[in-house]
Amino acid sequence: MPIPNYEQAMVPVLRVLAESSPRQRRDIAAAVADIFKLTDTERQQLLPSGKFPVIVSRVGWALSYMKQARVVETVKRGVYQLTDRGKQVLADQPGGIDAEYLERFAEFREFQARTRESTAEAPTPGDAPATRPTPFPVQSPEEALETAYSRLRATLQAELLDAVKAGTPSFFEDLVVDLLVRMGYGGSRPEAARAVGKTGDGGIDGVIDEDRLGLDVIYVQAKRWENTVGRPEVQKFAGALQGQRAKKGIFITTSSFSRDAEEYARRLDSRIVLIDGIRLAAFMFDFDVGVNAKSAFTVKQLDSDYFEDS
């Protein structure tokens, strides 16, 4: 059975609390997962950010909305219990409830009004008649935000890679230096400028300091390619490292590596990190190379500790 959305989780949450309350949110989520017979994989599935289980998030939003409707209440931080209204709702609607059902309660309608007021867009020209507000989406707000962010990121990374491929070889070499410096290698930008495209030493495009003190160096191979990089190219780079008695190398390409090349790199005594085009674009995104911030949003949560002794 698929993971329930937050509306589908509402009645099961009430049933769990009716059986035993007060209960902590994670305990409620685990009990709801049992009701829906979720597999271990489904229970462990994370939000797009990779930081929080989906089932816990959806149960959390179900609790949050039902709390606004005074169907459940908190007794202390993260601990919920059923209200008398919640018991009546469970008796009246054993088959299921949703956000639209909760609108019958004045407290929830006030909550919706506050939410819409804070997110209202500028009015459209004219005197068009008001329409009923769009119901709450099935996806929780947290999931919707993270999903939208993931899509924006994926789109931008694809654009980044296209832009890199369209550049000149010398631009790509400079880009690699900029990225490695942003990641903490090579010291300052002027000190690292000698790194790539200068040595041309048999399969090695350059070297860069591993740390600001220059206690060790990393050898770099950078290829702006369209074709898949196979084992022969990685093997050539590994041989060049041996010639320098080096143990560390980075092979960066705008394309991809064959499975044979990846398996060969894993078996080497020397450490060679393979960075393909997709991973390169991700690093550029993370370390602000070729991108700049357009907007920033901080997602906040209630600091229950602040109110505990009030």
Protein backbone atom coordinates (compact mmCIF):
# COMPACT_ATOMS: atom_id res chain seq x y z
CA MET A 1 0.00 0.00 0.00
CA PRO A 2 1.44 3.44 -0.92
CA ILE A 3 2.32 5.99 1.72
CA PRO A 4 -0.88 7.88 2.64
CA ASN A 5 -1.08 11.59 2.00
CA TYR A 6 -1.71 13.81 5.00
CA GLU A 7 -5.49 13.83 4.49
CA GLN A 8 -5.67 10.04 4.24
CA ALA A 9 -3.71 9.90 7.51
CA MET A 10 -6.19 12.02 9.48
CA VAL A 11 -8.70 9.38 10.57
CA PRO A 12 -6.00 6.76 11.29
CA VAL A 13 -4.28 9.38 13.48
CA LEU A 14 -7.52 9.91 15.38
CA ARG A 15 -7.95 6.15 15.81
CA VAL A 16 -4.43 5.81 17.18
CA LEU A 17 -5.07 8.61 19.68
CA ALA A 18 -8.45 7.14 20.58
CA GLU A 19 -6.75 3.88 21.51
CA SER A 20 -4.01 5.50 23.55
CA SER A 21 -3.21 9.13 24.25
CA PRO A 22 -1.33 11.31 24.79
CA ARG A 23 1.30 10.06 22.33
CA GLN A 24 4.40 11.47 20.66
CA ARG A 25 4.29 12.31 16.98
CA ARG A 26 6.83 9.67 15.91
CA ASP A 27 4.90 7.01 17.84
CA ILE A 28 1.72 8.11 16.10
CA ALA A 29 3.48 7.97 12.72
CA ALA A 30 4.75 4.45 13.44
CA ALA A 31 1.25 3.31 14.40
CA VAL A 32 -0.23 4.86 11.25
CA ALA A 33 2.44 3.09 9.20
CA ASP A 34 1.29 -0.17 10.81
CA ILE A 35 -2.33 0.58 9.89
CA PHE A 36 -1.35 1.11 6.25
CA LYS A 37 0.98 -1.92 6.35
CA LEU A 38 3.88 0.11 4.99
CA THR A 39 7.07 -1.75 4.11
CA ASP A 40 10.40 -0.91 5.73
CA THR A 41 11.39 0.86 2.51
CA GLU A 42 8.25 3.00 2.57
CA ARG A 43 8.74 3.81 6.26
CA GLN A 44 12.30 4.94 5.56
CA GLN A 45 11.49 6.95 2.42
CA LEU A 46 12.72 10.52 2.90
CA LEU A 47 11.54 13.90 1.69
CA PRO A 48 13.42 15.39 -1.30
CA SER A 49 15.84 17.06 1.13
CA GLY A 50 16.78 13.63 2.46
CA LYS A 51 16.44 14.80 6.05
CA PHE A 52 13.02 13.60 7.21
CA PRO A 53 10.81 10.51 6.68
CA VAL A 54 7.80 11.14 4.43
CA ILE A 55 5.36 9.28 6.69
CA VAL A 56 6.43 11.30 9.74
CA SER A 57 6.06 14.54 7.75
CA ARG A 58 2.58 13.65 6.51
CA VAL A 59 1.35 12.56 9.92
CA GLY A 60 2.84 15.78 11.31
CA TRP A 61 0.83 17.91 8.86
CA ALA A 62 -2.32 15.90 9.57
CA LEU A 63 -1.83 16.65 13.26
CA SER A 64 -1.07 20.30 12.54
CA TYR A 65 -4.27 20.86 10.53
CA MET A 66 -6.45 18.91 12.97
CA LYS A 67 -4.95 20.91 15.81
CA GLN A 68 -6.04 24.13 14.07
CA ALA A 69 -9.55 22.65 13.93
CA ARG A 70 -9.32 21.77 17.65
CA VAL A 71 -9.73 18.09 16.81
CA VAL A 72 -6.46 17.26 18.57
CA GLU A 73 -4.38 19.23 21.03
CA THR A 74 -0.85 19.19 22.39
CA VAL A 75 -0.17 18.52 26.04
CA LYS A 76 3.54 19.29 25.71
CA ARG A 77 6.21 19.45 23.04
CA GLY A 78 5.43 16.95 20.27
CA VAL A 79 2.85 15.08 22.37
CA TYR A 80 -0.78 14.97 21.20
CA GLN A 81 -4.12 13.84 22.52
CA LEU A 82 -7.68 13.64 21.22
CA THR A 83 -10.13 16.40 22.15
CA ASP A 84 -13.84 15.87 22.79
CA ARG A 85 -14.43 17.34 19.34
CA GLY A 86 -11.98 14.84 17.91
CA LYS A 87 -13.86 11.96 19.50
CA GLN A 88 -17.08 13.22 17.95
CA VAL A 89 -15.45 13.64 14.53
CA LEU A 90 -14.15 10.08 14.67
CA ALA A 91 -17.62 8.82 15.56
CA ASP A 92 -19.27 10.85 12.77
CA GLN A 93 -16.68 10.30 10.02
CA PRO A 94 -15.06 6.88 10.45
CA GLY A 95 -14.45 6.56 6.73
CA GLY A 96 -12.24 9.62 6.34
CA ILE A 97 -11.90 13.38 6.70
CA ASP A 98 -10.02 16.04 4.78
CA ALA A 99 -9.25 19.74 4.90
CA GLU A 100 -12.59 20.57 3.33
CA TYR A 101 -14.40 18.69 6.11
CA LEU A 102 -12.44 20.63 8.73
CA GLU A 103 -13.82 23.88 7.28
CA ARG A 104 -17.03 23.31 9.24
CA PHE A 105 -15.11 24.42 12.33
CA ALA A 106 -14.71 28.16 12.84
CA GLU A 107 -11.17 27.83 14.18
CA PHE A 108 -10.03 26.08 11.00
CA ARG A 109 -11.76 28.61 8.76
CA GLU A 110 -9.94 31.38 10.63
CA PHE A 111 -6.67 29.51 10.16
CA GLN A 112 -7.34 29.21 6.42
CA ALA A 113 -8.16 32.89 6.20
CA ARG A 114 -4.89 33.81 7.92
CA THR A 115 -2.96 31.49 5.61
CA ARG A 116 -4.54 32.86 2.44
CA GLU A 117 -4.12 36.43 3.63
CA SER A 118 -0.39 35.93 4.17
CA THR A 119 0.09 34.32 0.74
CA ALA A 120 -2.40 36.40 -1.25
CA GLU A 121 -1.30 37.59 -4.69
CA ALA A 122 -2.00 41.03 -6.05
CA PRO A 123 -5.65 41.37 -7.22
CA THR A 124 -6.37 40.99 -10.90
CA PRO A 125 -7.79 43.96 -12.84
CA GLY A 126 -11.56 44.28 -13.02
CA ASP A 127 -14.34 43.31 -10.71
CA ALA A 128 -14.41 39.55 -11.21
CA PRO A 129 -16.63 37.78 -8.67
CA ALA A 130 -14.88 36.02 -5.82
CA THR A 131 -14.52 32.27 -6.13
CA ARG A 132 -14.20 29.63 -3.47
CA PRO A 133 -10.53 29.30 -2.43
CA THR A 134 -8.66 26.33 -3.83
CA PRO A 135 -8.72 23.41 -1.35
CA PHE A 136 -5.52 22.52 0.42
CA PRO A 137 -3.30 20.38 -1.86
CA VAL A 138 -2.92 16.67 -1.16
CA GLN A 139 0.85 17.10 -0.89
CA SER A 140 1.90 18.65 2.39
CA PRO A 141 3.32 22.20 2.23
CA GLU A 142 6.73 20.93 3.33
CA GLU A 143 6.79 18.32 0.58
CA ALA A 144 5.52 20.78 -2.02
CA LEU A 145 8.28 23.24 -1.13
CA GLU A 146 11.01 20.60 -1.22
CA THR A 147 9.67 19.09 -4.46
CA ALA A 148 9.57 22.51 -6.12
CA TYR A 149 13.11 23.22 -4.93
CA SER A 150 14.33 19.89 -6.30
CA ARG A 151 12.77 20.61 -9.69
CA LEU A 152 14.25 24.11 -9.81
CA ARG A 153 17.65 22.72 -8.87
CA ALA A 154 17.51 19.94 -11.48
CA THR A 155 16.53 22.44 -14.19
CA LEU A 156 19.30 24.86 -13.25
CA GLN A 157 21.91 22.10 -13.10
CA ALA A 158 20.92 21.00 -16.61
CA GLU A 159 21.31 24.58 -17.80
CA LEU A 160 24.68 24.83 -16.07
CA LEU A 161 25.99 21.74 -17.79
CA ASP A 162 24.80 22.98 -21.19
CA ALA A 163 26.57 26.29 -20.60
CA VAL A 164 29.79 24.54 -19.60
CA LYS A 165 29.70 22.34 -22.70
CA ALA A 166 29.19 25.41 -24.88
CA GLY A 167 32.30 27.11 -23.48
CA THR A 168 35.86 26.88 -24.73
CA PRO A 169 38.42 24.38 -23.35
CA SER A 170 40.29 27.22 -21.65
CA PHE A 171 37.06 28.41 -20.00
CA PHE A 172 36.47 24.89 -18.73
CA GLU A 173 39.98 24.79 -17.25
CA ASP A 174 39.37 28.08 -15.43
CA LEU A 175 36.00 26.83 -14.23
CA VAL A 176 37.63 23.72 -12.72
CA VAL A 177 40.10 25.92 -10.83
CA ASP A 178 37.30 28.19 -9.58
CA LEU A 179 35.32 25.20 -8.37
CA LEU A 180 38.24 23.54 -6.59
CA VAL A 181 39.14 26.81 -4.86
CA ARG A 182 35.53 27.25 -3.72
CA MET A 183 35.67 23.71 -2.36
CA GLY A 184 38.70 24.63 -0.27
CA TYR A 185 41.60 23.47 -2.41
CA GLY A 186 44.52 25.44 -3.80
CA GLY A 187 44.60 28.38 -1.40
CA SER A 188 43.70 31.71 -3.02
CA ARG A 189 42.48 32.04 -6.61
CA PRO A 190 45.79 33.57 -7.85
CA GLU A 191 47.77 30.76 -6.19
CA ALA A 192 45.56 28.12 -7.82
CA ALA A 193 45.52 29.73 -11.27
CA ARG A 194 48.56 27.67 -12.29
CA ALA A 195 46.72 24.45 -11.53
CA VAL A 196 44.92 23.26 -14.65
CA GLY A 197 46.07 23.28 -18.25
CA LYS A 198 49.64 24.25 -17.50
CA THR A 199 51.71 21.13 -17.05
CA GLY A 200 50.55 18.88 -19.89
CA ASP A 201 52.51 16.05 -18.31
CA GLY A 202 51.35 12.81 -19.93
CA GLY A 203 47.67 12.56 -18.97
CA ILE A 204 47.83 15.19 -16.24
CA ASP A 205 46.31 18.59 -16.92
CA GLY A 206 47.51 20.16 -13.70
CA VAL A 207 48.12 19.99 -10.00
CA ILE A 208 46.49 21.82 -7.13
CA ASP A 209 47.32 21.99 -3.43
CA GLU A 210 45.09 19.82 -1.27
CA ASP A 211 45.25 22.39 1.54
CA ARG A 212 46.34 25.97 2.03
CA LEU A 213 49.71 24.89 3.44
CA GLY A 214 50.51 22.77 0.41
CA LEU A 215 51.23 19.68 2.51
CA ASP A 216 49.95 17.49 -0.32
CA VAL A 217 48.90 17.95 -3.92
CA ILE A 218 46.11 16.56 -6.07
CA TYR A 219 46.60 15.88 -9.75
CA VAL A 220 43.80 16.94 -12.06
CA GLN A 221 42.53 15.71 -15.41
CA ALA A 222 39.80 17.88 -16.97
CA LYS A 223 38.07 16.86 -20.20
CA ARG A 224 35.26 18.79 -21.87
CA TRP A 225 33.89 15.80 -23.77
CA GLU A 226 30.60 14.69 -25.26
CA ASN A 227 31.49 11.01 -25.51
CA THR A 228 31.60 8.63 -22.55
CA VAL A 229 35.01 8.42 -20.87
CA GLY A 230 36.11 4.80 -20.89
CA ARG A 231 38.60 2.77 -18.92
CA PRO A 232 41.58 3.53 -21.25
CA GLU A 233 41.45 7.25 -20.39
CA VAL A 234 41.21 6.59 -16.65
CA GLN A 235 43.98 4.00 -16.93
CA LYS A 236 46.19 6.53 -18.70
CA PHE A 237 45.57 9.02 -15.91
CA ALA A 238 46.36 6.40 -13.27
CA GLY A 239 49.63 5.64 -15.04
CA ALA A 240 50.52 9.31 -15.06
CA LEU A 241 49.90 9.45 -11.31
CA GLN A 242 52.24 6.52 -10.78
CA GLY A 243 54.86 8.34 -12.80
CA GLN A 244 54.62 11.22 -10.36
CA ARG A 245 54.48 8.88 -7.34
CA ALA A 246 51.15 10.49 -6.58
CA LYS A 247 48.31 8.91 -4.64
CA LYS A 248 45.46 11.32 -5.30
CA GLY A 249 43.78 12.47 -8.47
CA ILE A 250 40.56 14.03 -9.74
CA PHE A 251 39.22 13.23 -13.20
CA ILE A 252 36.53 15.72 -14.25
CA THR A 253 34.51 15.49 -17.43
CA THR A 254 31.42 17.17 -18.86
CA SER A 255 30.17 13.80 -20.12
CA SER A 256 30.02 10.52 -18.19
CA PHE A 257 32.17 7.54 -17.26
CA SER A 258 31.61 4.00 -18.42
CA ARG A 259 30.87 1.37 -15.79
CA ASP A 260 34.17 -0.30 -16.65
CA ALA A 261 36.01 2.98 -15.96
CA GLU A 262 34.25 3.41 -12.61
CA GLU A 263 35.01 -0.16 -11.52
CA TYR A 264 38.66 0.24 -12.55
CA ALA A 265 38.99 3.48 -10.51
CA ARG A 266 37.54 1.75 -7.44
CA ARG A 267 40.13 -1.04 -7.62
CA LEU A 268 43.16 1.26 -7.77
CA ASP A 269 45.58 1.64 -4.87
CA SER A 270 45.80 5.34 -5.60
CA ARG A 271 42.69 7.40 -4.93
CA ILE A 272 41.07 8.73 -8.11
CA VAL A 273 37.78 10.59 -7.79
CA LEU A 274 35.65 10.58 -10.95
CA ILE A 275 33.38 13.59 -11.44
CA ASP A 276 30.98 13.37 -14.37
CA GLY A 277 28.92 16.19 -15.87
CA ILE A 278 25.93 15.69 -13.60
CA ARG A 279 28.06 15.69 -10.46
CA LEU A 280 30.06 18.66 -11.76
CA ALA A 281 26.86 20.69 -12.19
CA ALA A 282 25.75 19.70 -8.68
CA PHE A 283 29.06 20.88 -7.21
CA MET A 284 28.78 24.14 -9.15
CA PHE A 285 25.31 24.64 -7.70
CA ASP A 286 26.39 23.84 -4.14
CA PHE A 287 29.50 26.04 -4.23
CA ASP A 288 28.01 28.96 -6.19
CA VAL A 289 30.12 28.67 -9.33
CA GLY A 290 28.28 30.08 -12.34
CA VAL A 291 25.13 30.77 -10.31
CA ASN A 292 23.88 33.48 -8.00
CA ALA A 293 21.08 33.64 -5.47
CA LYS A 294 17.75 34.90 -6.76
CA SER A 295 15.59 34.33 -3.67
CA ALA A 296 16.05 32.77 -0.25
CA PHE A 297 13.43 31.23 2.01
CA THR A 298 13.92 30.14 5.61
CA VAL A 299 11.53 27.44 6.80
CA LYS A 300 10.91 27.85 10.52
CA GLN A 301 9.17 25.74 13.13
CA LEU A 302 7.72 26.42 16.55
CA ASP A 303 10.27 26.53 19.37
CA SER A 304 8.29 24.52 21.91
CA ASP A 305 11.06 24.82 24.51
CA TYR A 306 10.49 28.58 24.60
CA PHE A 307 6.90 28.09 25.76
CA GLU A 308 7.35 25.07 28.02
CA ASP A 309 7.76 27.01 31.26
CA SER A 310 5.32 29.77 30.43
